Amino acid sequence: MTSHPPFPTPADAPIGVFDSGVGGLSVLRHIRAQLPQEHLIYLADSGHAPYGGKTEAFVVERALAIAAYLTGKGVKALVVACNTATVAAIKAVRAHYPELPVVGVEPGLKPGAAATRNGKVGVLATVRTLQGEKLLQLRDQIAASTGAQFLLQPCPGLVDLIEQGELDSAATDALLTGFIAPLLEQGADTLVLGCTHYPFVLPAIERAVLAAGGHDVKLIDTGDAVARQLARLLEGGGLQRPGSVGHPPMLHGYTTGGVDALAPAFRSLLQLDVVVEPLKI
């Protein structure tokens, strides 16, 4: 029996995007804007979220399980749309799938150093991201070359509130004020959003900055840079899907948590109605 490829051409295959929960939708938003012709699969590992407080070994195990599932779906590229998973596991994912274009999300330390006027950059991220060897090496390299001082601020509990849909609540405001005020007191004039969940509470972050007396504080979100890097890899590999042929682009969602959480997140965060299927991996 002749076997048939799952897609007409490799370029017609989907791009896989995953995060511990809904945060990676902030990256997906940029990918859809820059690559509107591409088929996309989004996988939220909400059944095991948040990653920020988990061990590195656990995050690596989850990332490899998800990568195995998505490569089984025939994806032509993989976006690790999670800062914690990028820091902990992207090296392992690339080692397991050396032929697969893999793009990760790292806290924007380099653009933060370029944006600061006084050399002090606050970095808001999960505990696991800030403890990762990859981030600490990057911090030391950029600090040595630019003279920038990076003030690392873990944000325990923030991802949980965002996953629960508390984007504009008093609890979120209070948590952010507690994280941001000490950074501004130390003189930070630039804040790096070091988790893909955080752009969804941007108005609350801006309120916390103002409440702490901050003025003209620059906020760095790296989702756009991730989409640009993905586009470069696809173009370099001849894998960009033509926009004028075949079926219109499809977007499908999977979650290891509750469908009743991810589907509303697509609607509220991206204004999209997306079919979401439950998944056990």
C-alpha atoms as a PDB file:
ATOM      1  CA  MET A   1       0.000   0.000   0.000  1.00  0.00           C
ATOM      2  CA  THR A   2       1.318   3.422  -0.948  1.00  0.00           C
ATOM      3  CA  SER A   3       1.683   5.851   1.930  1.00  0.00           C
ATOM      4  CA  HIS A   4       0.617   9.436   1.413  1.00  0.00           C
ATOM      5  CA  PRO A   5       2.097  12.468   3.145  1.00  0.00           C
ATOM      6  CA  PRO A   6      -0.333  14.123   5.562  1.00  0.00           C
ATOM      7  CA  PHE A   7      -0.088  17.419   3.635  1.00  0.00           C
ATOM      8  CA  PRO A   8       0.181  18.197  -0.104  1.00  0.00           C
ATOM      9  CA  THR A   9       3.628  19.757   0.370  1.00  0.00           C
ATOM     10  CA  PRO A  10       5.891  20.386   3.374  1.00  0.00           C
ATOM     11  CA  ALA A  11       5.094  24.094   3.046  1.00  0.00           C
ATOM     12  CA  ASP A  12       1.391  23.304   3.529  1.00  0.00           C
ATOM     13  CA  ALA A  13       2.020  21.682   6.924  1.00  0.00           C
ATOM     14  CA  PRO A  14       1.014  23.572  10.091  1.00  0.00           C
ATOM     15  CA  ILE A  15       3.183  25.378  12.602  1.00  0.00           C
ATOM     16  CA  GLY A  16       2.944  24.063  16.153  1.00  0.00           C
ATOM     17  CA  VAL A  17       2.837  26.558  19.022  1.00  0.00           C
ATOM     18  CA  PHE A  18       2.714  25.557  22.687  1.00  0.00           C
ATOM     19  CA  ASP A  19       2.728  27.091  26.142  1.00  0.00           C
ATOM     20  CA  SER A  20       1.890  25.989  29.655  1.00  0.00           C
ATOM     21  CA  GLY A  21      -1.473  27.722  29.243  1.00  0.00           C
ATOM     22  CA  VAL A  22      -3.030  30.723  27.518  1.00  0.00           C
ATOM     23  CA  GLY A  23       0.038  32.975  27.665  1.00  0.00           C
ATOM     24  CA  GLY A  24       1.405  31.769  24.342  1.00  0.00           C
ATOM     25  CA  LEU A  25      -1.635  33.296  22.660  1.00  0.00           C
ATOM     26  CA  SER A  26       0.232  36.597  22.931  1.00  0.00           C
ATOM     27  CA  VAL A  27       2.900  35.091  20.648  1.00  0.00           C
ATOM     28  CA  LEU A  28       0.302  33.442  18.404  1.00  0.00           C
ATOM     29  CA  ARG A  29      -1.213  36.883  17.871  1.00  0.00           C
ATOM     30  CA  HIS A  30       2.071  38.150  16.377  1.00  0.00           C
ATOM     31  CA  ILE A  31       2.535  35.000  14.272  1.00  0.00           C
ATOM     32  CA  ARG A  32      -0.928  35.381  12.743  1.00  0.00           C
ATOM     33  CA  ALA A  33      -0.232  39.037  11.991  1.00  0.00           C
ATOM     34  CA  GLN A  34       3.095  38.355  10.249  1.00  0.00           C
ATOM     35  CA  LEU A  35       2.250  34.991   8.655  1.00  0.00           C
ATOM     36  CA  PRO A  36      -1.503  35.165   7.967  1.00  0.00           C
ATOM     37  CA  GLN A  37      -1.401  32.398   5.349  1.00  0.00           C
ATOM     38  CA  GLU A  38      -0.048  29.703   7.691  1.00  0.00           C
ATOM     39  CA  HIS A  39      -1.942  26.789   9.258  1.00  0.00           C
ATOM     40  CA  LEU A  40      -1.482  26.844  13.046  1.00  0.00           C
ATOM     41  CA  ILE A  41      -1.911  24.409  15.929  1.00  0.00           C
ATOM     42  CA  TYR A  42      -1.938  25.848  19.449  1.00  0.00           C
ATOM     43  CA  LEU A  43      -1.459  23.498  22.416  1.00  0.00           C
ATOM     44  CA  ALA A  44      -2.030  24.699  25.978  1.00  0.00           C
ATOM     45  CA  ASP A  45      -0.564  22.386  28.626  1.00  0.00           C
ATOM     46  CA  SER A  46      -3.001  23.802  31.164  1.00  0.00           C
ATOM     47  CA  GLY A  47      -3.320  20.482  32.946  1.00  0.00           C
ATOM     48  CA  HIS A  48       0.254  20.950  34.131  1.00  0.00           C
ATOM     49  CA  ALA A  49       0.391  24.754  34.472  1.00  0.00           C
ATOM     50  CA  PRO A  50       2.011  26.868  35.635  1.00  0.00           C
ATOM     51  CA  TYR A  51       5.532  25.768  34.728  1.00  0.00           C
ATOM     52  CA  GLY A  52       7.172  28.579  36.685  1.00  0.00           C
ATOM     53  CA  GLY A  53       7.266  26.736  39.997  1.00  0.00           C
ATOM     54  CA  LYS A  54       8.089  23.287  38.575  1.00  0.00           C
ATOM     55  CA  THR A  55      11.491  21.599  38.439  1.00  0.00           C
ATOM     56  CA  GLU A  56      13.588  21.863  35.302  1.00  0.00           C
ATOM     57  CA  ALA A  57      13.326  18.093  34.785  1.00  0.00           C
ATOM     58  CA  PHE A  58       9.522  18.294  34.857  1.00  0.00           C
ATOM     59  CA  VAL A  59       9.435  21.113  32.295  1.00  0.00           C
ATOM     60  CA  VAL A  60      11.821  19.212  30.005  1.00  0.00           C
ATOM     61  CA  GLU A  61       9.636  16.111  30.242  1.00  0.00           C
ATOM     62  CA  ARG A  62       6.503  18.081  29.345  1.00  0.00           C
ATOM     63  CA  ALA A  63       8.174  19.921  26.471  1.00  0.00           C
ATOM     64  CA  LEU A  64       9.407  16.670  24.931  1.00  0.00           C
ATOM     65  CA  ALA A  65       5.994  15.026  25.299  1.00  0.00           C
ATOM     66  CA  ILE A  66       4.306  17.977  23.593  1.00  0.00           C
ATOM     67  CA  ALA A  67       6.941  18.135  20.861  1.00  0.00           C
ATOM     68  CA  ALA A  68       6.406  14.426  20.195  1.00  0.00           C
ATOM     69  CA  TYR A  69       2.666  14.951  19.880  1.00  0.00           C
ATOM     70  CA  LEU A  70       2.972  17.957  17.564  1.00  0.00           C
ATOM     71  CA  THR A  71       5.591  16.338  15.327  1.00  0.00           C
ATOM     72  CA  GLY A  72       3.205  13.403  15.133  1.00  0.00           C
ATOM     73  CA  LYS A  73       0.689  15.883  13.759  1.00  0.00           C
ATOM     74  CA  GLY A  74       3.187  16.728  11.039  1.00  0.00           C
ATOM     75  CA  VAL A  75       4.163  20.267  12.041  1.00  0.00           C
ATOM     76  CA  LYS A  76       6.870  21.896   9.905  1.00  0.00           C
ATOM     77  CA  ALA A  77       8.114  24.154  12.700  1.00  0.00           C
ATOM     78  CA  LEU A  78       7.691  24.435  16.456  1.00  0.00           C
ATOM     79  CA  VAL A  79       7.366  27.583  18.566  1.00  0.00           C
ATOM     80  CA  VAL A  80       8.024  27.177  22.280  1.00  0.00           C
ATOM     81  CA  ALA A  81       5.813  30.119  23.257  1.00  0.00           C
ATOM     82  CA  CYS A  82       6.782  29.979  26.912  1.00  0.00           C
ATOM     83  CA  ASN A  83       9.772  31.660  28.538  1.00  0.00           C
ATOM     84  CA  THR A  84      10.094  29.000  31.242  1.00  0.00           C
ATOM     85  CA  ALA A  85      10.000  26.102  28.755  1.00  0.00           C
ATOM     86  CA  THR A  86      12.471  27.883  26.465  1.00  0.00           C
ATOM     87  CA  VAL A  87      14.976  28.410  29.265  1.00  0.00           C
ATOM     88  CA  ALA A  88      14.583  24.875  30.639  1.00  0.00           C
ATOM     89  CA  ALA A  89      13.911  22.682  27.637  1.00  0.00           C
ATOM     90  CA  ILE A  90      14.578  24.130  24.187  1.00  0.00           C
ATOM     91  CA  LYS A  91      18.059  22.596  24.045  1.00  0.00           C
ATOM     92  CA  ALA A  92      16.563  19.142  24.669  1.00  0.00           C
ATOM     93  CA  VAL A  93      13.816  19.684  22.078  1.00  0.00           C
ATOM     94  CA  ARG A  94      16.339  20.718  19.421  1.00  0.00           C
ATOM     95  CA  ALA A  95      18.522  17.723  20.251  1.00  0.00           C
ATOM     96  CA  HIS A  96      15.563  15.357  19.780  1.00  0.00           C
ATOM     97  CA  TYR A  97      14.395  17.029  16.539  1.00  0.00           C
ATOM     98  CA  PRO A  98      17.536  18.376  14.834  1.00  0.00           C
ATOM     99  CA  GLU A  99      15.822  18.806  11.444  1.00  0.00           C
ATOM    100  CA  LEU A 100      12.861  20.756  12.836  1.00  0.00           C
ATOM    101  CA  PRO A 101      12.960  24.564  12.956  1.00  0.00           C
ATOM    102  CA  VAL A 102      12.403  25.396  16.642  1.00  0.00           C
ATOM    103  CA  VAL A 103      11.903  28.958  17.883  1.00  0.00           C
ATOM    104  CA  GLY A 104      11.891  29.842  21.552  1.00  0.00           C
ATOM    105  CA  VAL A 105      10.893  32.843  23.606  1.00  0.00           C
ATOM    106  CA  GLU A 106      13.505  34.458  25.785  1.00  0.00           C
ATOM    107  CA  PRO A 107      13.079  37.489  28.017  1.00  0.00           C
ATOM    108  CA  GLY A 108      14.051  40.565  26.012  1.00  0.00           C
ATOM    109  CA  LEU A 109      17.258  41.394  27.836  1.00  0.00           C
ATOM    110  CA  LYS A 110      19.023  42.635  24.706  1.00  0.00           C
ATOM    111  CA  PRO A 111      16.208  44.998  23.600  1.00  0.00           C
ATOM    112  CA  GLY A 112      15.837  46.024  27.243  1.00  0.00           C
ATOM    113  CA  ALA A 113      19.501  47.009  27.388  1.00  0.00           C
ATOM    114  CA  ALA A 114      19.105  48.919  24.120  1.00  0.00           C
ATOM    115  CA  ALA A 115      16.017  50.774  25.374  1.00  0.00           C
ATOM    116  CA  THR A 116      17.184  51.837  28.828  1.00  0.00           C
ATOM    117  CA  ARG A 117      18.405  55.382  29.314  1.00  0.00           C
ATOM    118  CA  ASN A 118      19.961  54.999  32.753  1.00  0.00           C
ATOM    119  CA  GLY A 119      21.238  51.426  32.442  1.00  0.00           C
ATOM    120  CA  LYS A 120      18.766  49.823  34.872  1.00  0.00           C
ATOM    121  CA  VAL A 121      16.400  47.194  33.459  1.00  0.00           C
ATOM    122  CA  GLY A 122      13.747  45.386  35.495  1.00  0.00           C
ATOM    123  CA  VAL A 123      12.909  41.831  34.401  1.00  0.00           C
ATOM    124  CA  LEU A 124       9.499  40.413  35.360  1.00  0.00           C
ATOM    125  CA  ALA A 125       9.388  36.619  34.984  1.00  0.00           C
ATOM    126  CA  THR A 126       8.563  33.315  36.651  1.00  0.00           C
ATOM    127  CA  VAL A 127      10.782  31.838  39.344  1.00  0.00           C
ATOM    128  CA  ARG A 128      11.917  29.008  37.041  1.00  0.00           C
ATOM    129  CA  THR A 129      12.818  31.385  34.192  1.00  0.00           C
ATOM    130  CA  LEU A 130      14.925  33.579  36.475  1.00  0.00           C
ATOM    131  CA  GLN A 131      16.755  30.574  37.911  1.00  0.00           C
ATOM    132  CA  GLY A 132      17.580  29.112  34.509  1.00  0.00           C
ATOM    133  CA  GLU A 133      21.244  28.865  33.555  1.00  0.00           C
ATOM    134  CA  LYS A 134      20.418  30.040  30.018  1.00  0.00           C
ATOM    135  CA  LEU A 135      18.943  33.329  31.249  1.00  0.00           C
ATOM    136  CA  LEU A 136      21.684  33.956  33.780  1.00  0.00           C
ATOM    137  CA  GLN A 137      24.369  33.440  31.136  1.00  0.00           C
ATOM    138  CA  LEU A 138      22.532  35.778  28.766  1.00  0.00           C
ATOM    139  CA  ARG A 139      22.241  38.384  31.533  1.00  0.00           C
ATOM    140  CA  ASP A 140      25.961  38.214  32.277  1.00  0.00           C
ATOM    141  CA  GLN A 141      26.930  38.451  28.585  1.00  0.00           C
ATOM    142  CA  ILE A 142      24.716  41.456  27.872  1.00  0.00           C
ATOM    143  CA  ALA A 143      25.644  43.182  31.125  1.00  0.00           C
ATOM    144  CA  ALA A 144      29.350  42.773  30.270  1.00  0.00           C
ATOM    145  CA  SER A 145      28.940  44.147  26.746  1.00  0.00           C
ATOM    146  CA  THR A 146      26.516  47.006  27.496  1.00  0.00           C
ATOM    147  CA  GLY A 147      27.027  47.866  31.152  1.00  0.00           C
ATOM    148  CA  ALA A 148      23.308  47.423  31.800  1.00  0.00           C
ATOM    149  CA  GLN A 149      22.191  46.305  35.250  1.00  0.00           C
ATOM    150  CA  PHE A 150      19.359  43.746  35.250  1.00  0.00           C
ATOM    151  CA  LEU A 151      17.057  43.701  38.270  1.00  0.00           C
ATOM    152  CA  LEU A 152      15.394  40.260  38.330  1.00  0.00           C
ATOM    153  CA  GLN A 153      11.894  40.179  39.823  1.00  0.00           C
ATOM    154  CA  PRO A 154      10.091  36.823  40.208  1.00  0.00           C
ATOM    155  CA  CYS A 155       6.308  37.078  39.938  1.00  0.00           C
ATOM    156  CA  PRO A 156       4.807  34.053  41.728  1.00  0.00           C
ATOM    157  CA  GLY A 157       1.042  33.796  41.385  1.00  0.00           C
ATOM    158  CA  LEU A 158       0.673  36.126  38.405  1.00  0.00           C
ATOM    159  CA  VAL A 159       0.360  33.387  35.771  1.00  0.00           C
ATOM    160  CA  ASP A 160      -2.303  31.689  37.893  1.00  0.00           C
ATOM    161  CA  LEU A 161      -4.429  34.849  37.955  1.00  0.00           C
ATOM    162  CA  ILE A 162      -4.076  35.317  34.200  1.00  0.00           C
ATOM    163  CA  GLU A 163      -5.031  31.673  33.571  1.00  0.00           C
ATOM    164  CA  GLN A 164      -8.131  32.291  35.692  1.00  0.00           C
ATOM    165  CA  GLY A 165      -9.056  35.249  33.490  1.00  0.00           C
ATOM    166  CA  GLU A 166      -8.342  37.885  36.148  1.00  0.00           C
ATOM    167  CA  LEU A 167      -6.827  40.373  33.739  1.00  0.00           C
ATOM    168  CA  ASP A 168      -8.319  43.473  35.305  1.00  0.00           C
ATOM    169  CA  SER A 169      -8.941  42.579  38.939  1.00  0.00           C
ATOM    170  CA  ALA A 170      -7.938  44.165  42.230  1.00  0.00           C
ATOM    171  CA  ALA A 171      -5.930  41.038  43.058  1.00  0.00           C
ATOM    172  CA  THR A 172      -3.894  41.356  39.851  1.00  0.00           C
ATOM    173  CA  ASP A 173      -3.340  45.076  40.457  1.00  0.00           C
ATOM    174  CA  ALA A 174      -2.129  44.415  44.001  1.00  0.00           C
ATOM    175  CA  LEU A 175       0.233  41.643  42.909  1.00  0.00           C
ATOM    176  CA  LEU A 176       1.737  43.742  40.122  1.00  0.00           C
ATOM    177  CA  THR A 177       2.195  46.770  42.352  1.00  0.00           C
ATOM    178  CA  GLY A 178       4.128  44.590  44.784  1.00  0.00           C
ATOM    179  CA  PHE A 179       6.398  43.367  42.004  1.00  0.00           C
ATOM    180  CA  ILE A 180       6.908  46.621  40.095  1.00  0.00           C
ATOM    181  CA  ALA A 181       7.263  49.218  42.868  1.00  0.00           C
ATOM    182  CA  PRO A 182      10.591  47.788  44.172  1.00  0.00           C
ATOM    183  CA  LEU A 183      12.043  47.820  40.644  1.00  0.00           C
ATOM    184  CA  LEU A 184      11.174  51.470  40.122  1.00  0.00           C
ATOM    185  CA  GLU A 185      12.505  52.305  43.579  1.00  0.00           C
ATOM    186  CA  GLN A 186      15.837  50.851  42.428  1.00  0.00           C
ATOM    187  CA  GLY A 187      15.742  53.151  39.411  1.00  0.00           C
ATOM    188  CA  ALA A 188      14.564  50.854  36.591  1.00  0.00           C
ATOM    189  CA  ASP A 189      13.394  52.885  33.608  1.00  0.00           C
ATOM    190  CA  THR A 190      12.683  49.820  31.432  1.00  0.00           C
ATOM    191  CA  LEU A 191      10.676  46.692  32.256  1.00  0.00           C
ATOM    192  CA  VAL A 192      11.035  43.431  30.334  1.00  0.00           C
ATOM    193  CA  LEU A 193       7.911  41.251  30.246  1.00  0.00           C
ATOM    194  CA  GLY A 194       9.673  37.925  30.677  1.00  0.00           C
ATOM    195  CA  CYS A 195       6.627  35.668  30.379  1.00  0.00           C
ATOM    196  CA  THR A 196       4.248  35.322  27.444  1.00  0.00           C
ATOM    197  CA  HIS A 197       1.290  35.608  29.816  1.00  0.00           C
ATOM    198  CA  TYR A 198       2.206  39.128  30.917  1.00  0.00           C
ATOM    199  CA  PRO A 199       1.237  41.111  27.775  1.00  0.00           C
ATOM    200  CA  PHE A 200      -2.377  40.201  28.515  1.00  0.00           C
ATOM    201  CA  VAL A 201      -2.249  42.298  31.697  1.00  0.00           C
ATOM    202  CA  LEU A 202      -0.489  45.238  30.058  1.00  0.00           C
ATOM    203  CA  PRO A 203      -3.095  47.806  31.259  1.00  0.00           C
ATOM    204  CA  ALA A 204      -2.648  46.537  34.831  1.00  0.00           C
ATOM    205  CA  ILE A 205       1.139  46.742  34.466  1.00  0.00           C
ATOM    206  CA  GLU A 206       0.842  50.324  33.241  1.00  0.00           C
ATOM    207  CA  ARG A 207      -1.390  51.167  36.235  1.00  0.00           C
ATOM    208  CA  ALA A 208       1.153  49.648  38.625  1.00  0.00           C
ATOM    209  CA  VAL A 209       3.933  51.704  37.022  1.00  0.00           C
ATOM    210  CA  LEU A 210       1.933  54.918  37.453  1.00  0.00           C
ATOM    211  CA  ALA A 211       0.950  53.994  41.022  1.00  0.00           C
ATOM    212  CA  ALA A 212       4.647  53.559  41.830  1.00  0.00           C
ATOM    213  CA  GLY A 213       5.425  57.005  40.444  1.00  0.00           C
ATOM    214  CA  GLY A 214       6.936  55.766  37.207  1.00  0.00           C
ATOM    215  CA  HIS A 215       6.963  58.049  34.187  1.00  0.00           C
ATOM    216  CA  ASP A 216       8.149  57.214  30.684  1.00  0.00           C
ATOM    217  CA  VAL A 217       8.968  53.629  31.680  1.00  0.00           C
ATOM    218  CA  LYS A 218       9.493  51.476  28.583  1.00  0.00           C
ATOM    219  CA  LEU A 219       7.889  48.033  28.411  1.00  0.00           C
ATOM    220  CA  ILE A 220       9.525  45.274  26.327  1.00  0.00           C
ATOM    221  CA  ASP A 221       7.414  42.442  24.810  1.00  0.00           C
ATOM    222  CA  THR A 222       9.326  39.975  22.594  1.00  0.00           C
ATOM    223  CA  GLY A 223       6.389  38.324  20.791  1.00  0.00           C
ATOM    224  CA  ASP A 224       6.979  40.296  17.600  1.00  0.00           C
ATOM    225  CA  ALA A 225      10.652  39.265  17.479  1.00  0.00           C
ATOM    226  CA  VAL A 226       9.645  35.592  17.818  1.00  0.00           C
ATOM    227  CA  ALA A 227       7.301  35.867  14.831  1.00  0.00           C
ATOM    228  CA  ARG A 228      10.015  37.559  12.754  1.00  0.00           C
ATOM    229  CA  GLN A 229      12.528  34.809  13.585  1.00  0.00           C
ATOM    230  CA  LEU A 230       9.965  32.147  12.674  1.00  0.00           C
ATOM    231  CA  ALA A 231       9.342  33.865   9.333  1.00  0.00           C
ATOM    232  CA  ARG A 232      13.099  33.958   8.639  1.00  0.00           C
ATOM    233  CA  LEU A 233      13.492  30.230   9.361  1.00  0.00           C
ATOM    234  CA  LEU A 234      10.525  29.282   7.185  1.00  0.00           C
ATOM    235  CA  GLU A 235      11.763  31.438   4.322  1.00  0.00           C
ATOM    236  CA  GLY A 236      15.290  30.088   4.636  1.00  0.00           C
ATOM    237  CA  GLY A 237      14.002  26.514   4.507  1.00  0.00           C
ATOM    238  CA  GLY A 238      11.586  27.144   1.652  1.00  0.00           C
ATOM    239  CA  LEU A 239       8.702  26.322   4.015  1.00  0.00           C
ATOM    240  CA  GLN A 240       6.536  29.435   3.808  1.00  0.00           C
ATOM    241  CA  ARG A 241       3.031  28.536   2.706  1.00  0.00           C
ATOM    242  CA  PRO A 242       1.815  30.506  -0.329  1.00  0.00           C
ATOM    243  CA  GLY A 243      -1.160  32.642   0.569  1.00  0.00           C
ATOM    244  CA  SER A 244      -2.979  32.365  -2.730  1.00  0.00           C
ATOM    245  CA  VAL A 245      -3.396  28.601  -3.140  1.00  0.00           C
ATOM    246  CA  GLY A 246      -5.124  25.730  -1.408  1.00  0.00           C
ATOM    247  CA  HIS A 247      -7.373  25.856   1.608  1.00  0.00           C
ATOM    248  CA  PRO A 248      -7.662  28.997   3.738  1.00  0.00           C
ATOM    249  CA  PRO A 249      -5.440  28.984   6.821  1.00  0.00           C
ATOM    250  CA  MET A 250      -6.710  26.851   9.692  1.00  0.00           C
ATOM    251  CA  LEU A 251      -6.231  27.350  13.421  1.00  0.00           C
ATOM    252  CA  HIS A 252      -6.871  24.493  15.807  1.00  0.00           C
ATOM    253  CA  GLY A 253      -6.519  24.339  19.586  1.00  0.00           C
ATOM    254  CA  TYR A 254      -5.694  21.540  22.000  1.00  0.00           C
ATOM    255  CA  THR A 255      -5.519  21.628  25.785  1.00  0.00           C
ATOM    256  CA  THR A 256      -4.505  19.197  28.504  1.00  0.00           C
ATOM    257  CA  GLY A 257      -6.758  21.181  30.831  1.00  0.00           C
ATOM    258  CA  GLY A 258     -10.348  22.307  30.445  1.00  0.00           C
ATOM    259  CA  VAL A 259     -11.731  23.198  27.028  1.00  0.00           C
ATOM    260  CA  ASP A 260     -13.946  25.673  28.860  1.00  0.00           C
ATOM    261  CA  ALA A 261     -10.817  27.706  29.685  1.00  0.00           C
ATOM    262  CA  LEU A 262      -8.940  27.815  26.357  1.00  0.00           C
ATOM    263  CA  ALA A 263     -11.882  28.429  24.012  1.00  0.00           C
ATOM    264  CA  PRO A 264     -13.029  31.543  25.948  1.00  0.00           C
ATOM    265  CA  ALA A 265      -9.402  32.711  26.074  1.00  0.00           C
ATOM    266  CA  PHE A 266      -9.255  32.632  22.273  1.00  0.00           C
ATOM    267  CA  ARG A 267     -12.426  34.730  22.185  1.00  0.00           C
ATOM    268  CA  SER A 268     -11.525  37.238  24.901  1.00  0.00           C
ATOM    269  CA  LEU A 269      -7.817  37.639  24.113  1.00  0.00           C
ATOM    270  CA  LEU A 270      -7.739  37.261  20.324  1.00  0.00           C
ATOM    271  CA  GLN A 271     -11.411  37.723  19.343  1.00  0.00           C
ATOM    272  CA  LEU A 272     -11.389  34.323  17.636  1.00  0.00           C
ATOM    273  CA  ASP A 273     -13.784  31.392  17.742  1.00  0.00           C
ATOM    274  CA  VAL A 274     -11.527  28.328  17.634  1.00  0.00           C
ATOM    275  CA  VAL A 275     -12.347  24.648  17.887  1.00  0.00           C
ATOM    276  CA  VAL A 276     -10.548  23.314  20.964  1.00  0.00           C
ATOM    277  CA  GLU A 277     -10.106  19.632  21.724  1.00  0.00           C
ATOM    278  CA  PRO A 278      -9.133  18.059  25.064  1.00  0.00           C
ATOM    279  CA  LEU A 279      -5.909  16.101  25.062  1.00  0.00           C
ATOM    280  CA  LYS A 280      -4.172  13.619  27.357  1.00  0.00           C
ATOM    281  CA  ILE A 281      -0.423  13.377  26.887  1.00  0.00           C
END
